[in-house]
Amino acid sequence: MRLSAQAGDLEAFAKYEQHLSKLQERNQKYRQKIQKAREADQKYLRQLNKKERIRQEKLLETKHKRSQRSAQKAKMTRAEQLAALKTKEAKQKGA
């Protein structure tokens, strides 16, 4: 059927599209059935909650690291500014 549809037979192409749509519907129903069964299972729910908690912890850790890096960068720039100010003062005292 697929080969004749690829060859350009319009009738075969229409039948093949119908066949594919039936397969998609069947697959969708099957996935919904499996999802309902999983949602009814407490072990699956615990695993899902654990994954979500781990994901949230990783996001929080990433945010914390990002803020630490920005704070460290700000401290470095302040330290550099102080060093420049000290050298400037030293030059003024020497002059």
N, C-alpha and C. Protein backbone atom coordinates (compact mmCIF):
# COMPACT_ATOMS: atom_id res chain seq x y z
N MET A 1 0.83 -1.18 0.00
CA MET A 1 0.00 0.00 0.00
C MET A 1 0.89 1.26 0.00
N ARG A 2 1.91 1.26 0.86
CA ARG A 2 2.78 2.42 0.96
C ARG A 2 3.56 2.62 -0.35
N LEU A 3 4.02 1.53 -0.92
CA LEU A 3 4.80 1.64 -2.16
C LEU A 3 3.95 2.18 -3.31
N SER A 4 2.71 1.70 -3.39
CA SER A 4 1.85 2.19 -4.47
C SER A 4 1.48 3.66 -4.23
N ALA A 5 1.35 4.05 -2.96
CA ALA A 5 1.06 5.46 -2.65
C ALA A 5 2.26 6.33 -3.02
N GLN A 6 3.46 5.83 -2.76
CA GLN A 6 4.66 6.57 -3.13
C GLN A 6 4.84 6.64 -4.64
N ALA A 7 4.31 5.62 -5.33
CA ALA A 7 4.43 5.59 -6.79
C ALA A 7 3.51 6.62 -7.45
N GLY A 8 2.52 7.13 -6.69
CA GLY A 8 1.67 8.18 -7.23
C GLY A 8 0.23 7.77 -7.42
N ASP A 9 -0.16 6.58 -6.97
CA ASP A 9 -1.54 6.14 -7.08
C ASP A 9 -2.38 6.90 -6.05
N LEU A 10 -3.31 7.74 -6.51
CA LEU A 10 -4.09 8.60 -5.62
C LEU A 10 -5.00 7.79 -4.70
N GLU A 11 -5.59 6.74 -5.22
CA GLU A 11 -6.47 5.91 -4.39
C GLU A 11 -5.67 5.21 -3.29
N ALA A 12 -4.53 4.70 -3.65
CA ALA A 12 -3.67 4.04 -2.66
C ALA A 12 -3.17 5.06 -1.64
N PHE A 13 -2.91 6.27 -2.10
CA PHE A 13 -2.45 7.33 -1.21
C PHE A 13 -3.52 7.66 -0.17
N ALA A 14 -4.79 7.74 -0.62
CA ALA A 14 -5.90 8.03 0.29
C ALA A 14 -6.06 6.90 1.30
N LYS A 15 -5.98 5.65 0.82
CA LYS A 15 -6.10 4.50 1.73
C LYS A 15 -4.96 4.48 2.74
N TYR A 16 -3.77 4.81 2.27
CA TYR A 16 -2.61 4.82 3.16
C TYR A 16 -2.75 5.90 4.22
N GLU A 17 -3.26 7.07 3.86
CA GLU A 17 -3.49 8.13 4.84
C GLU A 17 -4.52 7.71 5.87
N GLN A 18 -5.59 7.03 5.42
CA GLN A 18 -6.60 6.52 6.36
C GLN A 18 -5.97 5.52 7.32
N HIS A 19 -5.14 4.65 6.75
CA HIS A 19 -4.46 3.64 7.56
C HIS A 19 -3.58 4.31 8.62
N LEU A 20 -2.84 5.32 8.21
CA LEU A 20 -1.97 6.04 9.15
C LEU A 20 -2.78 6.75 10.23
N SER A 21 -3.90 7.35 9.85
CA SER A 21 -4.72 8.05 10.84
C SER A 21 -5.31 7.06 11.84
N LYS A 22 -5.71 5.86 11.37
CA LYS A 22 -6.21 4.83 12.30
C LYS A 22 -5.11 4.41 13.27
N LEU A 23 -3.90 4.24 12.74
CA LEU A 23 -2.79 3.87 13.61
C LEU A 23 -2.51 4.95 14.65
N GLN A 24 -2.58 6.21 14.25
CA GLN A 24 -2.35 7.31 15.17
C GLN A 24 -3.42 7.35 16.26
N GLU A 25 -4.68 7.15 15.88
CA GLU A 25 -5.76 7.13 16.86
C GLU A 25 -5.58 5.98 17.84
N ARG A 26 -5.23 4.81 17.32
CA ARG A 26 -5.04 3.64 18.17
C ARG A 26 -3.88 3.87 19.14
N ASN A 27 -2.83 4.45 18.63
CA ASN A 27 -1.66 4.74 19.47
C ASN A 27 -2.01 5.77 20.55
N GLN A 28 -2.78 6.78 20.18
CA GLN A 28 -3.18 7.80 21.14
C GLN A 28 -4.04 7.21 22.24
N LYS A 29 -4.99 6.34 21.88
CA LYS A 29 -5.83 5.68 22.88
C LYS A 29 -4.99 4.82 23.80
N TYR A 30 -4.03 4.12 23.23
CA TYR A 30 -3.16 3.26 24.02
C TYR A 30 -2.34 4.09 25.00
N ARG A 31 -1.78 5.19 24.52
CA ARG A 31 -0.99 6.06 25.40
C ARG A 31 -1.85 6.63 26.53
N GLN A 32 -3.10 7.01 26.23
CA GLN A 32 -3.99 7.52 27.27
C GLN A 32 -4.29 6.44 28.30
N LYS A 33 -4.51 5.21 27.83
CA LYS A 33 -4.79 4.10 28.73
C LYS A 33 -3.60 3.84 29.65
N ILE A 34 -2.41 3.84 29.08
CA ILE A 34 -1.19 3.63 29.87
C ILE A 34 -1.00 4.76 30.87
N GLN A 35 -1.26 5.99 30.44
CA GLN A 35 -1.10 7.15 31.33
C GLN A 35 -2.06 7.06 32.51
N LYS A 36 -3.31 6.66 32.26
CA LYS A 36 -4.28 6.52 33.35
C LYS A 36 -3.83 5.44 34.32
N ALA A 37 -3.30 4.35 33.79
CA ALA A 37 -2.82 3.27 34.65
C ALA A 37 -1.64 3.75 35.49
N ARG A 38 -0.76 4.51 34.89
CA ARG A 38 0.39 5.04 35.63
C ARG A 38 -0.06 6.00 36.72
N GLU A 39 -1.01 6.86 36.39
CA GLU A 39 -1.48 7.84 37.37
C GLU A 39 -2.17 7.17 38.55
N ALA A 40 -2.73 5.99 38.32
CA ALA A 40 -3.39 5.26 39.41
C ALA A 40 -2.36 4.56 40.30
N ASP A 41 -1.17 4.36 39.81
CA ASP A 41 -0.13 3.65 40.55
C ASP A 41 0.60 4.62 41.48
N GLN A 42 0.58 4.32 42.77
CA GLN A 42 1.21 5.19 43.76
C GLN A 42 2.73 5.23 43.60
N LYS A 43 3.31 4.10 43.23
CA LYS A 43 4.75 4.05 43.04
C LYS A 43 5.17 5.00 41.92
N TYR A 44 4.40 5.02 40.86
CA TYR A 44 4.70 5.92 39.74
C TYR A 44 4.58 7.37 40.18
N LEU A 45 3.55 7.68 40.96
CA LEU A 45 3.36 9.05 41.44
C LEU A 45 4.51 9.49 42.33
N ARG A 46 4.97 8.58 43.20
CA ARG A 46 6.10 8.91 44.06
C ARG A 46 7.35 9.18 43.22
N GLN A 47 7.55 8.34 42.21
CA GLN A 47 8.71 8.52 41.34
C GLN A 47 8.62 9.84 40.59
N LEU A 48 7.42 10.17 40.12
CA LEU A 48 7.20 11.42 39.41
C LEU A 48 7.48 12.61 40.33
N ASN A 49 6.98 12.54 41.56
CA ASN A 49 7.22 13.63 42.52
C ASN A 49 8.70 13.75 42.86
N LYS A 50 9.37 12.61 42.97
CA LYS A 50 10.80 12.63 43.25
C LYS A 50 11.57 13.30 42.12
N LYS A 51 11.22 12.97 40.88
CA LYS A 51 11.87 13.59 39.73
C LYS A 51 11.64 15.09 39.72
N GLU A 52 10.42 15.50 40.02
CA GLU A 52 10.09 16.93 40.05
C GLU A 52 10.87 17.64 41.15
N ARG A 53 10.96 17.01 42.32
CA ARG A 53 11.70 17.60 43.43
C ARG A 53 13.18 17.75 43.07
N ILE A 54 13.75 16.73 42.44
CA ILE A 54 15.15 16.78 42.04
C ILE A 54 15.37 17.89 41.02
N ARG A 55 14.44 18.02 40.08
CA ARG A 55 14.54 19.07 39.07
C ARG A 55 14.50 20.45 39.72
N GLN A 56 13.60 20.62 40.69
CA GLN A 56 13.51 21.91 41.39
C GLN A 56 14.78 22.20 42.18
N GLU A 57 15.34 21.15 42.82
CA GLU A 57 16.58 21.34 43.57
C GLU A 57 17.73 21.75 42.65
N LYS A 58 17.80 21.13 41.47
CA LYS A 58 18.85 21.49 40.52
C LYS A 58 18.69 22.92 40.05
N LEU A 59 17.45 23.34 39.79
CA LEU A 59 17.21 24.72 39.38
C LEU A 59 17.63 25.69 40.47
N LEU A 60 17.29 25.36 41.71
CA LEU A 60 17.65 26.22 42.83
C LEU A 60 19.17 26.29 42.99
N GLU A 61 19.83 25.15 42.85
CA GLU A 61 21.29 25.11 42.96
C GLU A 61 21.94 25.94 41.86
N THR A 62 21.42 25.83 40.66
CA THR A 62 21.95 26.60 39.53
C THR A 62 21.77 28.10 39.79
N LYS A 63 20.60 28.47 40.30
CA LYS A 63 20.34 29.87 40.61
C LYS A 63 21.30 30.37 41.68
N HIS A 64 21.53 29.54 42.69
CA HIS A 64 22.43 29.90 43.78
C HIS A 64 23.86 30.09 43.26
N LYS A 65 24.30 29.16 42.41
CA LYS A 65 25.65 29.27 41.85
C LYS A 65 25.78 30.52 40.99
N ARG A 66 24.75 30.82 40.24
CA ARG A 66 24.77 32.00 39.38
C ARG A 66 24.89 33.27 40.22
N SER A 67 24.12 33.32 41.32
CA SER A 67 24.18 34.51 42.17
C SER A 67 25.53 34.61 42.87
N GLN A 68 26.11 33.46 43.25
CA GLN A 68 27.43 33.49 43.86
C GLN A 68 28.48 34.01 42.89
N ARG A 69 28.39 33.55 41.65
CA ARG A 69 29.35 34.01 40.64
C ARG A 69 29.23 35.51 40.41
N SER A 70 28.00 36.00 40.35
CA SER A 70 27.82 37.44 40.11
C SER A 70 28.31 38.24 41.32
N ALA A 71 28.08 37.72 42.53
CA ALA A 71 28.57 38.41 43.73
C ALA A 71 30.09 38.41 43.75
N GLN A 72 30.70 37.28 43.37
CA GLN A 72 32.15 37.20 43.34
C GLN A 72 32.71 38.17 42.30
N LYS A 73 32.03 38.26 41.18
CA LYS A 73 32.47 39.19 40.14
C LYS A 73 32.39 40.62 40.64
N ALA A 74 31.31 40.94 41.35
CA ALA A 74 31.15 42.29 41.89
C ALA A 74 32.23 42.58 42.93
N LYS A 75 32.56 41.60 43.74
CA LYS A 75 33.61 41.79 44.74
C LYS A 75 34.95 42.03 44.06
N MET A 76 35.21 41.30 43.02
CA MET A 76 36.47 41.46 42.31
C MET A 76 36.56 42.86 41.71
N THR A 77 35.49 43.33 41.17
CA THR A 77 35.54 44.66 40.57
C THR A 77 35.73 45.72 41.65
N ARG A 78 35.08 45.52 42.81
CA ARG A 78 35.29 46.47 43.91
C ARG A 78 36.73 46.43 44.38
N ALA A 79 37.28 45.24 44.48
CA ALA A 79 38.67 45.10 44.91
C ALA A 79 39.60 45.76 43.90
N GLU A 80 39.29 45.57 42.62
CA GLU A 80 40.10 46.21 41.59
C GLU A 80 39.98 47.74 41.68
N GLN A 81 38.78 48.22 41.98
CA GLN A 81 38.58 49.66 42.12
C GLN A 81 39.36 50.20 43.30
N LEU A 82 39.34 49.46 44.41
CA LEU A 82 40.11 49.90 45.58
C LEU A 82 41.60 49.92 45.28
N ALA A 83 42.07 48.91 44.56
CA ALA A 83 43.49 48.87 44.21
C ALA A 83 43.85 50.05 43.32
N ALA A 84 43.00 50.38 42.40
CA ALA A 84 43.26 51.53 41.52
C ALA A 84 43.24 52.82 42.32
N LEU A 85 42.30 52.91 43.27
CA LEU A 85 42.22 54.11 44.10
C LEU A 85 43.47 54.26 44.96
N LYS A 86 43.96 53.15 45.51
CA LYS A 86 45.16 53.18 46.34
C LYS A 86 46.38 53.61 45.52
N THR A 87 46.48 53.08 44.32
CA THR A 87 47.62 53.47 43.47
C THR A 87 47.52 54.94 43.08
N LYS A 88 46.31 55.41 42.87
CA LYS A 88 46.10 56.81 42.51
C LYS A 88 46.49 57.71 43.69
N GLU A 89 46.08 57.31 44.91
CA GLU A 89 46.44 58.07 46.10
C GLU A 89 47.93 58.07 46.34
N ALA A 90 48.55 56.92 46.09
CA ALA A 90 49.99 56.80 46.28
C ALA A 90 50.72 57.73 45.31
N LYS A 91 50.24 57.82 44.09
CA LYS A 91 50.86 58.71 43.12
C LYS A 91 50.71 60.17 43.52
N GLN A 92 49.53 60.52 44.07
CA GLN A 92 49.29 61.90 44.48
C GLN A 92 50.16 62.28 45.67
N LYS A 93 50.38 61.35 46.59
CA LYS A 93 51.23 61.62 47.76
C LYS A 93 52.69 61.74 47.32
N GLY A 94 53.05 60.94 46.34
CA GLY A 94 54.44 60.98 45.85
C GLY A 94 54.71 62.22 45.04
N ALA A 95 53.72 62.83 44.46
CA ALA A 95 53.95 64.00 43.61
C ALA A 95 54.01 65.29 44.33
